[in-house]
């Protein structure tokens, strides 16, 4: 059985944006927040095959809107995800620049 990305994932200490979280919902929407900079974003996401994700950011505190293609891998309570550096940029080829997130406990 394939593990589901749904739920809240928090970037771990030691990463560039420690504390940044994404909450992926069953209905294909997400919300995200990075409290140290007051950033809140939301939109939709799609999982495209094995390990491909596309985030369509529709709201963002700093106006960073558009499509952010990415790659991801999950192992238990760990998510590695690399998104394009800006809207409309190419999908990362691998996870070498991935950020690491842990699943938040309910």
C-alpha atoms as a PDB file:
ATOM      1  CA  UNK A   1       0.000   0.000   0.000  1.00  0.00           C
ATOM      2  CA  UNK A   2       1.296   3.454  -0.906  1.00  0.00           C
ATOM      3  CA  UNK A   3       1.673   5.885   1.960  1.00  0.00           C
ATOM      4  CA  UNK A   4      -0.520   8.990   1.748  1.00  0.00           C
ATOM      5  CA  UNK A   5       0.957  12.494   1.873  1.00  0.00           C
ATOM      6  CA  UNK A   6      -2.169  13.823   3.599  1.00  0.00           C
ATOM      7  CA  UNK A   7      -1.655  15.381   7.000  1.00  0.00           C
ATOM      8  CA  UNK A   8       0.560  18.040   8.536  1.00  0.00           C
ATOM      9  CA  UNK A   9       4.302  17.938   7.856  1.00  0.00           C
ATOM     10  CA  UNK A  10       6.749  20.209   9.736  1.00  0.00           C
ATOM     11  CA  UNK A  11      10.242  21.091   8.504  1.00  0.00           C
ATOM     12  CA  UNK A  12      12.782  19.823  11.035  1.00  0.00           C
ATOM     13  CA  UNK A  13      15.476  21.725  12.928  1.00  0.00           C
ATOM     14  CA  UNK A  14      18.657  22.235  10.936  1.00  0.00           C
ATOM     15  CA  UNK A  15      16.764  22.954   7.704  1.00  0.00           C
ATOM     16  CA  UNK A  16      16.574  26.377   6.048  1.00  0.00           C
ATOM     17  CA  UNK A  17      12.994  27.048   7.211  1.00  0.00           C
ATOM     18  CA  UNK A  18      12.702  24.955  10.360  1.00  0.00           C
ATOM     19  CA  UNK A  19       9.105  25.091  11.585  1.00  0.00           C
ATOM     20  CA  UNK A  20       7.574  25.656   8.123  1.00  0.00           C
ATOM     21  CA  UNK A  21       4.611  23.329   7.809  1.00  0.00           C
ATOM     22  CA  UNK A  22       2.377  22.031   5.045  1.00  0.00           C
ATOM     23  CA  UNK A  23      -1.005  20.482   5.780  1.00  0.00           C
ATOM     24  CA  UNK A  24      -2.102  18.392   2.783  1.00  0.00           C
ATOM     25  CA  UNK A  25      -5.852  17.662   2.841  1.00  0.00           C
ATOM     26  CA  UNK A  26      -7.701  14.670   1.357  1.00  0.00           C
ATOM     27  CA  UNK A  27      -9.613  16.984  -1.005  1.00  0.00           C
ATOM     28  CA  UNK A  28      -6.442  18.090  -2.851  1.00  0.00           C
ATOM     29  CA  UNK A  29      -6.000  21.397  -1.021  1.00  0.00           C
ATOM     30  CA  UNK A  30      -3.195  22.486   1.263  1.00  0.00           C
ATOM     31  CA  UNK A  31      -2.373  25.229   3.733  1.00  0.00           C
ATOM     32  CA  UNK A  32       1.120  26.173   4.838  1.00  0.00           C
ATOM     33  CA  UNK A  33       2.638  28.544   7.367  1.00  0.00           C
ATOM     34  CA  UNK A  34       6.081  29.828   8.325  1.00  0.00           C
ATOM     35  CA  UNK A  35       5.452  31.823  11.497  1.00  0.00           C
ATOM     36  CA  UNK A  36       8.924  33.491  11.856  1.00  0.00           C
ATOM     37  CA  UNK A  37       8.244  35.527   8.681  1.00  0.00           C
ATOM     38  CA  UNK A  38       4.455  35.660   9.038  1.00  0.00           C
ATOM     39  CA  UNK A  39       3.977  33.689   5.829  1.00  0.00           C
ATOM     40  CA  UNK A  40       0.697  31.887   5.160  1.00  0.00           C
ATOM     41  CA  UNK A  41      -0.097  30.184   1.877  1.00  0.00           C
ATOM     42  CA  UNK A  42      -2.713  27.875   0.428  1.00  0.00           C
ATOM     43  CA  UNK A  43      -3.855  26.302  -2.784  1.00  0.00           C
ATOM     44  CA  UNK A  44      -4.165  22.898  -4.386  1.00  0.00           C
ATOM     45  CA  UNK A  45      -1.833  19.995  -5.012  1.00  0.00           C
ATOM     46  CA  UNK A  46      -1.745  16.943  -7.221  1.00  0.00           C
ATOM     47  CA  UNK A  47       0.288  13.782  -6.945  1.00  0.00           C
ATOM     48  CA  UNK A  48       1.482  12.796 -10.406  1.00  0.00           C
ATOM     49  CA  UNK A  49       2.609   9.202 -10.429  1.00  0.00           C
ATOM     50  CA  UNK A  50       5.247   7.925  -8.072  1.00  0.00           C
ATOM     51  CA  UNK A  51       7.108  10.692  -6.279  1.00  0.00           C
ATOM     52  CA  UNK A  52       5.926  13.697  -8.300  1.00  0.00           C
ATOM     53  CA  UNK A  53       3.951  16.554  -6.747  1.00  0.00           C
ATOM     54  CA  UNK A  54       2.661  19.795  -8.221  1.00  0.00           C
ATOM     55  CA  UNK A  55       1.598  22.605  -5.909  1.00  0.00           C
ATOM     56  CA  UNK A  56      -0.646  25.358  -7.281  1.00  0.00           C
ATOM     57  CA  UNK A  57      -0.165  28.209  -4.811  1.00  0.00           C
ATOM     58  CA  UNK A  58      -3.251  30.434  -4.991  1.00  0.00           C
ATOM     59  CA  UNK A  59      -2.672  32.574  -1.885  1.00  0.00           C
ATOM     60  CA  UNK A  60       0.634  33.664  -0.368  1.00  0.00           C
ATOM     61  CA  UNK A  61       1.498  36.469   2.031  1.00  0.00           C
ATOM     62  CA  UNK A  62       4.279  37.728  -0.274  1.00  0.00           C
ATOM     63  CA  UNK A  63       2.353  37.104  -3.505  1.00  0.00           C
ATOM     64  CA  UNK A  64       4.361  34.060  -4.626  1.00  0.00           C
ATOM     65  CA  UNK A  65       1.614  32.503  -6.728  1.00  0.00           C
ATOM     66  CA  UNK A  66       1.560  29.872  -9.427  1.00  0.00           C
ATOM     67  CA  UNK A  67       2.628  26.320 -10.128  1.00  0.00           C
ATOM     68  CA  UNK A  68       5.538  24.800  -8.212  1.00  0.00           C
ATOM     69  CA  UNK A  69       6.385  21.317  -9.523  1.00  0.00           C
ATOM     70  CA  UNK A  70       8.356  19.061  -7.234  1.00  0.00           C
ATOM     71  CA  UNK A  71       9.531  15.617  -6.231  1.00  0.00           C
ATOM     72  CA  UNK A  72       9.054  13.853  -2.930  1.00  0.00           C
ATOM     73  CA  UNK A  73       9.656  10.638  -1.041  1.00  0.00           C
ATOM     74  CA  UNK A  74       8.167   9.382   2.215  1.00  0.00           C
ATOM     75  CA  UNK A  75       9.532   6.913   4.697  1.00  0.00           C
ATOM     76  CA  UNK A  76       7.300   6.434   7.718  1.00  0.00           C
ATOM     77  CA  UNK A  77       7.004   9.798   9.473  1.00  0.00           C
ATOM     78  CA  UNK A  78       9.574  11.502   7.241  1.00  0.00           C
ATOM     79  CA  UNK A  79       8.861  13.445   4.045  1.00  0.00           C
ATOM     80  CA  UNK A  80      11.601  14.683   1.741  1.00  0.00           C
ATOM     81  CA  UNK A  81      10.290  17.257  -0.715  1.00  0.00           C
ATOM     82  CA  UNK A  82      12.011  19.444  -3.288  1.00  0.00           C
ATOM     83  CA  UNK A  83       9.921  22.072  -5.078  1.00  0.00           C
ATOM     84  CA  UNK A  84      10.936  24.343  -7.949  1.00  0.00           C
ATOM     85  CA  UNK A  85      12.623  27.510  -6.727  1.00  0.00           C
ATOM     86  CA  UNK A  86       9.972  29.762  -8.298  1.00  0.00           C
ATOM     87  CA  UNK A  87       6.602  29.447  -9.991  1.00  0.00           C
ATOM     88  CA  UNK A  88       6.865  28.083 -13.496  1.00  0.00           C
ATOM     89  CA  UNK A  89      10.417  26.790 -13.057  1.00  0.00           C
ATOM     90  CA  UNK A  90      11.337  23.208 -13.995  1.00  0.00           C
ATOM     91  CA  UNK A  91      10.674  20.303 -11.658  1.00  0.00           C
ATOM     92  CA  UNK A  92      13.778  19.296  -9.655  1.00  0.00           C
ATOM     93  CA  UNK A  93      15.348  16.168 -11.137  1.00  0.00           C
ATOM     94  CA  UNK A  94      15.985  14.495  -7.785  1.00  0.00           C
ATOM     95  CA  UNK A  95      15.891  14.972  -4.007  1.00  0.00           C
ATOM     96  CA  UNK A  96      19.421  16.396  -3.657  1.00  0.00           C
ATOM     97  CA  UNK A  97      17.982  19.793  -2.619  1.00  0.00           C
ATOM     98  CA  UNK A  98      15.028  18.380  -0.681  1.00  0.00           C
ATOM     99  CA  UNK A  99      13.845  19.763   2.631  1.00  0.00           C
ATOM    100  CA  UNK A 100      13.039  17.265   5.371  1.00  0.00           C
ATOM    101  CA  UNK A 101       9.690  17.305   7.158  1.00  0.00           C
ATOM    102  CA  UNK A 102       8.313  15.134   9.949  1.00  0.00           C
ATOM    103  CA  UNK A 103       4.667  14.201  10.290  1.00  0.00           C
ATOM    104  CA  UNK A 104       3.006  16.201  13.069  1.00  0.00           C
ATOM    105  CA  UNK A 105       1.389  14.169  15.824  1.00  0.00           C
ATOM    106  CA  UNK A 106      -2.365  14.663  16.139  1.00  0.00           C
END
